[in-house]
Amino acid sequence: MANFKFNKDKILRQVSDNLTKRYEQAVRTVRCPEHGTIPRVTFKGKTGSNINWRIENICCEQLKKQVEVAIQKANR
């Protein structure tokens, strides 16, 4: 039997960094067709399991739905 040691914080940081990049890329292509607004993804507490994502600069319900679809596609 082999014993492996993993750095849990490092792995969680890598996962959160990968998700951060994926969501930023997904949202980067979204624009409000009516107002021209560009949403932004912000992250706080980027370490380990303590990560919070926030979508900012949402001007209307239509843009919110577009962002939700983009993030859902990024999760596939």
N, C-alpha and C. Protein backbone atom coordinates (compact mmCIF):
# COMPACT_ATOMS: atom_id res chain seq x y z
N MET A 1 0.84 -1.17 0.00
CA MET A 1 0.00 0.00 0.00
C MET A 1 0.89 1.25 0.00
N ALA A 2 0.51 2.21 -0.81
CA ALA A 2 1.26 3.45 -0.91
C ALA A 2 0.55 4.55 -0.14
N ASN A 3 1.32 5.38 0.50
CA ASN A 3 0.77 6.55 1.21
C ASN A 3 1.10 7.80 0.44
N PHE A 4 0.10 8.63 0.24
CA PHE A 4 0.29 9.88 -0.47
C PHE A 4 -0.11 11.02 0.44
N LYS A 5 0.65 12.08 0.38
CA LYS A 5 0.30 13.29 1.12
C LYS A 5 -0.09 14.36 0.11
N PHE A 6 -1.22 14.98 0.35
CA PHE A 6 -1.70 16.04 -0.52
C PHE A 6 -1.82 17.32 0.29
N ASN A 7 -1.49 18.40 -0.36
CA ASN A 7 -1.67 19.71 0.24
C ASN A 7 -3.07 20.19 -0.11
N LYS A 8 -3.99 19.98 0.82
CA LYS A 8 -5.41 20.29 0.59
C LYS A 8 -5.62 21.74 0.17
N ASP A 9 -4.97 22.67 0.84
CA ASP A 9 -5.14 24.09 0.50
C ASP A 9 -4.67 24.39 -0.91
N LYS A 10 -3.56 23.78 -1.30
CA LYS A 10 -3.03 24.01 -2.64
C LYS A 10 -3.98 23.46 -3.71
N ILE A 11 -4.53 22.29 -3.47
CA ILE A 11 -5.47 21.70 -4.42
C ILE A 11 -6.73 22.55 -4.53
N LEU A 12 -7.27 22.97 -3.39
CA LEU A 12 -8.47 23.81 -3.41
C LEU A 12 -8.20 25.15 -4.10
N ARG A 13 -7.03 25.70 -3.89
CA ARG A 13 -6.66 26.96 -4.54
C ARG A 13 -6.60 26.77 -6.06
N GLN A 14 -6.04 25.65 -6.50
CA GLN A 14 -5.96 25.38 -7.94
C GLN A 14 -7.35 25.22 -8.54
N VAL A 15 -8.23 24.52 -7.83
CA VAL A 15 -9.60 24.35 -8.30
C VAL A 15 -10.29 25.70 -8.39
N SER A 16 -10.18 26.51 -7.35
CA SER A 16 -10.84 27.82 -7.37
C SER A 16 -10.23 28.73 -8.44
N ASP A 17 -8.93 28.65 -8.66
CA ASP A 17 -8.30 29.45 -9.73
C ASP A 17 -8.82 29.02 -11.10
N ASN A 18 -8.98 27.71 -11.30
CA ASN A 18 -9.49 27.21 -12.58
C ASN A 18 -10.94 27.66 -12.80
N LEU A 19 -11.75 27.59 -11.76
CA LEU A 19 -13.14 28.05 -11.88
C LEU A 19 -13.20 29.55 -12.12
N THR A 20 -12.34 30.29 -11.44
CA THR A 20 -12.27 31.73 -11.64
C THR A 20 -12.01 32.05 -13.11
N LYS A 21 -11.02 31.43 -13.69
CA LYS A 21 -10.68 31.67 -15.10
C LYS A 21 -11.83 31.27 -16.01
N ARG A 22 -12.43 30.13 -15.72
CA ARG A 22 -13.54 29.64 -16.56
C ARG A 22 -14.72 30.61 -16.53
N TYR A 23 -15.09 31.08 -15.34
CA TYR A 23 -16.23 32.00 -15.22
C TYR A 23 -15.90 33.36 -15.82
N GLU A 24 -14.69 33.84 -15.62
CA GLU A 24 -14.30 35.12 -16.22
C GLU A 24 -14.37 35.04 -17.73
N GLN A 25 -13.90 33.95 -18.30
CA GLN A 25 -13.95 33.78 -19.76
C GLN A 25 -15.38 33.69 -20.26
N ALA A 26 -16.23 32.97 -19.53
CA ALA A 26 -17.62 32.82 -19.94
C ALA A 26 -18.36 34.15 -19.91
N VAL A 27 -18.14 34.94 -18.88
CA VAL A 27 -18.85 36.20 -18.73
C VAL A 27 -18.26 37.28 -19.63
N ARG A 28 -17.01 37.15 -19.98
CA ARG A 28 -16.33 38.15 -20.81
C ARG A 28 -17.03 38.35 -22.16
N THR A 29 -17.70 37.32 -22.66
CA THR A 29 -18.33 37.40 -23.98
C THR A 29 -19.76 37.93 -23.92
N VAL A 30 -20.27 38.19 -22.72
CA VAL A 30 -21.67 38.61 -22.56
C VAL A 30 -21.76 40.13 -22.53
N ARG A 31 -22.73 40.66 -23.27
CA ARG A 31 -23.02 42.09 -23.28
C ARG A 31 -24.53 42.26 -23.26
N CYS A 32 -24.99 43.28 -22.58
CA CYS A 32 -26.42 43.58 -22.60
C CYS A 32 -26.77 44.15 -23.97
N PRO A 33 -27.70 43.52 -24.69
CA PRO A 33 -28.05 44.02 -26.02
C PRO A 33 -28.78 45.36 -25.99
N GLU A 34 -29.41 45.66 -24.87
CA GLU A 34 -30.17 46.91 -24.77
C GLU A 34 -29.32 48.06 -24.26
N HIS A 35 -28.50 47.81 -23.24
CA HIS A 35 -27.75 48.88 -22.58
C HIS A 35 -26.25 48.87 -22.89
N GLY A 36 -25.76 47.78 -23.47
CA GLY A 36 -24.33 47.68 -23.77
C GLY A 36 -23.46 47.42 -22.54
N THR A 37 -24.08 47.09 -21.43
CA THR A 37 -23.36 46.86 -20.18
C THR A 37 -22.55 45.57 -20.24
N ILE A 38 -21.37 45.62 -19.64
CA ILE A 38 -20.49 44.45 -19.58
C ILE A 38 -20.44 43.99 -18.12
N PRO A 39 -20.90 42.75 -17.83
CA PRO A 39 -20.85 42.26 -16.46
C PRO A 39 -19.43 41.92 -16.05
N ARG A 40 -19.21 41.87 -14.76
CA ARG A 40 -17.89 41.52 -14.21
C ARG A 40 -18.07 40.46 -13.15
N VAL A 41 -17.13 39.53 -13.12
CA VAL A 41 -17.09 38.53 -12.06
C VAL A 41 -16.04 38.98 -11.07
N THR A 42 -16.42 39.04 -9.80
CA THR A 42 -15.45 39.36 -8.76
C THR A 42 -15.42 38.21 -7.78
N PHE A 43 -14.27 38.02 -7.19
CA PHE A 43 -14.05 36.93 -6.26
C PHE A 43 -13.45 37.47 -4.98
N LYS A 44 -13.91 36.95 -3.88
CA LYS A 44 -13.36 37.31 -2.59
C LYS A 44 -13.03 36.04 -1.85
N GLY A 45 -11.96 36.06 -1.09
CA GLY A 45 -11.57 34.87 -0.34
C GLY A 45 -11.15 33.75 -1.25
N LYS A 46 -10.20 34.00 -2.13
CA LYS A 46 -9.82 33.05 -3.15
C LYS A 46 -9.02 31.85 -2.64
N THR A 47 -9.06 31.55 -1.39
CA THR A 47 -8.25 30.44 -0.91
C THR A 47 -9.13 29.31 -0.41
N GLY A 48 -8.82 28.14 -0.85
CA GLY A 48 -9.49 26.94 -0.36
C GLY A 48 -10.99 26.96 -0.54
N SER A 49 -11.70 26.51 0.47
CA SER A 49 -13.15 26.42 0.37
C SER A 49 -13.84 27.73 0.71
N ASN A 50 -13.07 28.76 1.04
CA ASN A 50 -13.62 30.06 1.40
C ASN A 50 -13.59 30.98 0.20
N ILE A 51 -14.41 30.68 -0.81
CA ILE A 51 -14.43 31.51 -2.01
C ILE A 51 -15.86 31.99 -2.25
N ASN A 52 -15.99 33.24 -2.59
CA ASN A 52 -17.29 33.83 -2.90
C ASN A 52 -17.20 34.50 -4.26
N TRP A 53 -18.13 34.15 -5.13
CA TRP A 53 -18.20 34.76 -6.45
C TRP A 53 -19.34 35.75 -6.45
N ARG A 54 -19.14 36.80 -7.20
CA ARG A 54 -20.18 37.81 -7.33
C ARG A 54 -20.16 38.34 -8.76
N ILE A 55 -21.33 38.45 -9.34
CA ILE A 55 -21.45 39.03 -10.68
C ILE A 55 -21.90 40.47 -10.47
N GLU A 56 -21.12 41.40 -10.97
CA GLU A 56 -21.42 42.82 -10.81
C GLU A 56 -21.75 43.45 -12.15
N ASN A 57 -22.31 44.62 -12.08
CA ASN A 57 -22.61 45.42 -13.26
C ASN A 57 -23.75 44.81 -14.08
N ILE A 58 -24.74 44.26 -13.39
CA ILE A 58 -25.92 43.70 -14.05
C ILE A 58 -26.97 44.82 -14.13
N CYS A 59 -27.32 45.19 -15.35
CA CYS A 59 -28.21 46.34 -15.52
C CYS A 59 -29.68 45.96 -15.63
N CYS A 60 -29.96 44.70 -16.00
CA CYS A 60 -31.35 44.32 -16.20
C CYS A 60 -31.50 42.80 -16.11
N GLU A 61 -32.73 42.36 -16.09
CA GLU A 61 -33.03 40.93 -15.96
C GLU A 61 -32.52 40.15 -17.18
N GLN A 62 -32.58 40.75 -18.35
CA GLN A 62 -32.11 40.08 -19.56
C GLN A 62 -30.61 39.76 -19.47
N LEU A 63 -29.83 40.70 -18.99
CA LEU A 63 -28.39 40.47 -18.84
C LEU A 63 -28.13 39.42 -17.77
N LYS A 64 -28.89 39.47 -16.70
CA LYS A 64 -28.73 38.47 -15.63
C LYS A 64 -28.94 37.07 -16.19
N LYS A 65 -29.97 36.89 -17.00
CA LYS A 65 -30.24 35.58 -17.60
C LYS A 65 -29.12 35.16 -18.54
N GLN A 66 -28.58 36.09 -19.31
CA GLN A 66 -27.47 35.77 -20.22
C GLN A 66 -26.25 35.31 -19.43
N VAL A 67 -25.97 35.96 -18.33
CA VAL A 67 -24.84 35.59 -17.48
C VAL A 67 -25.06 34.20 -16.90
N GLU A 68 -26.26 33.94 -16.42
CA GLU A 68 -26.57 32.62 -15.86
C GLU A 68 -26.36 31.52 -16.90
N VAL A 69 -26.79 31.74 -18.12
CA VAL A 69 -26.61 30.75 -19.19
C VAL A 69 -25.14 30.56 -19.49
N ALA A 70 -24.37 31.65 -19.54
CA ALA A 70 -22.93 31.55 -19.81
C ALA A 70 -22.21 30.75 -18.73
N ILE A 71 -22.58 30.96 -17.48
CA ILE A 71 -21.95 30.22 -16.38
C ILE A 71 -22.37 28.76 -16.40
N GLN A 72 -23.63 28.50 -16.71
CA GLN A 72 -24.07 27.10 -16.82
C GLN A 72 -23.29 26.37 -17.91
N LYS A 73 -23.09 27.02 -19.05
CA LYS A 73 -22.30 26.41 -20.13
C LYS A 73 -20.87 26.17 -19.69
N ALA A 74 -20.32 27.09 -18.92
CA ALA A 74 -18.93 26.94 -18.45
C ALA A 74 -18.80 25.78 -17.48
N ASN A 75 -19.89 25.40 -16.84
CA ASN A 75 -19.85 24.29 -15.88
C ASN A 75 -19.96 22.92 -16.53
N ARG A 76 -20.22 22.88 -17.81
CA ARG A 76 -20.36 21.57 -18.49
C ARG A 76 -19.04 20.95 -18.78
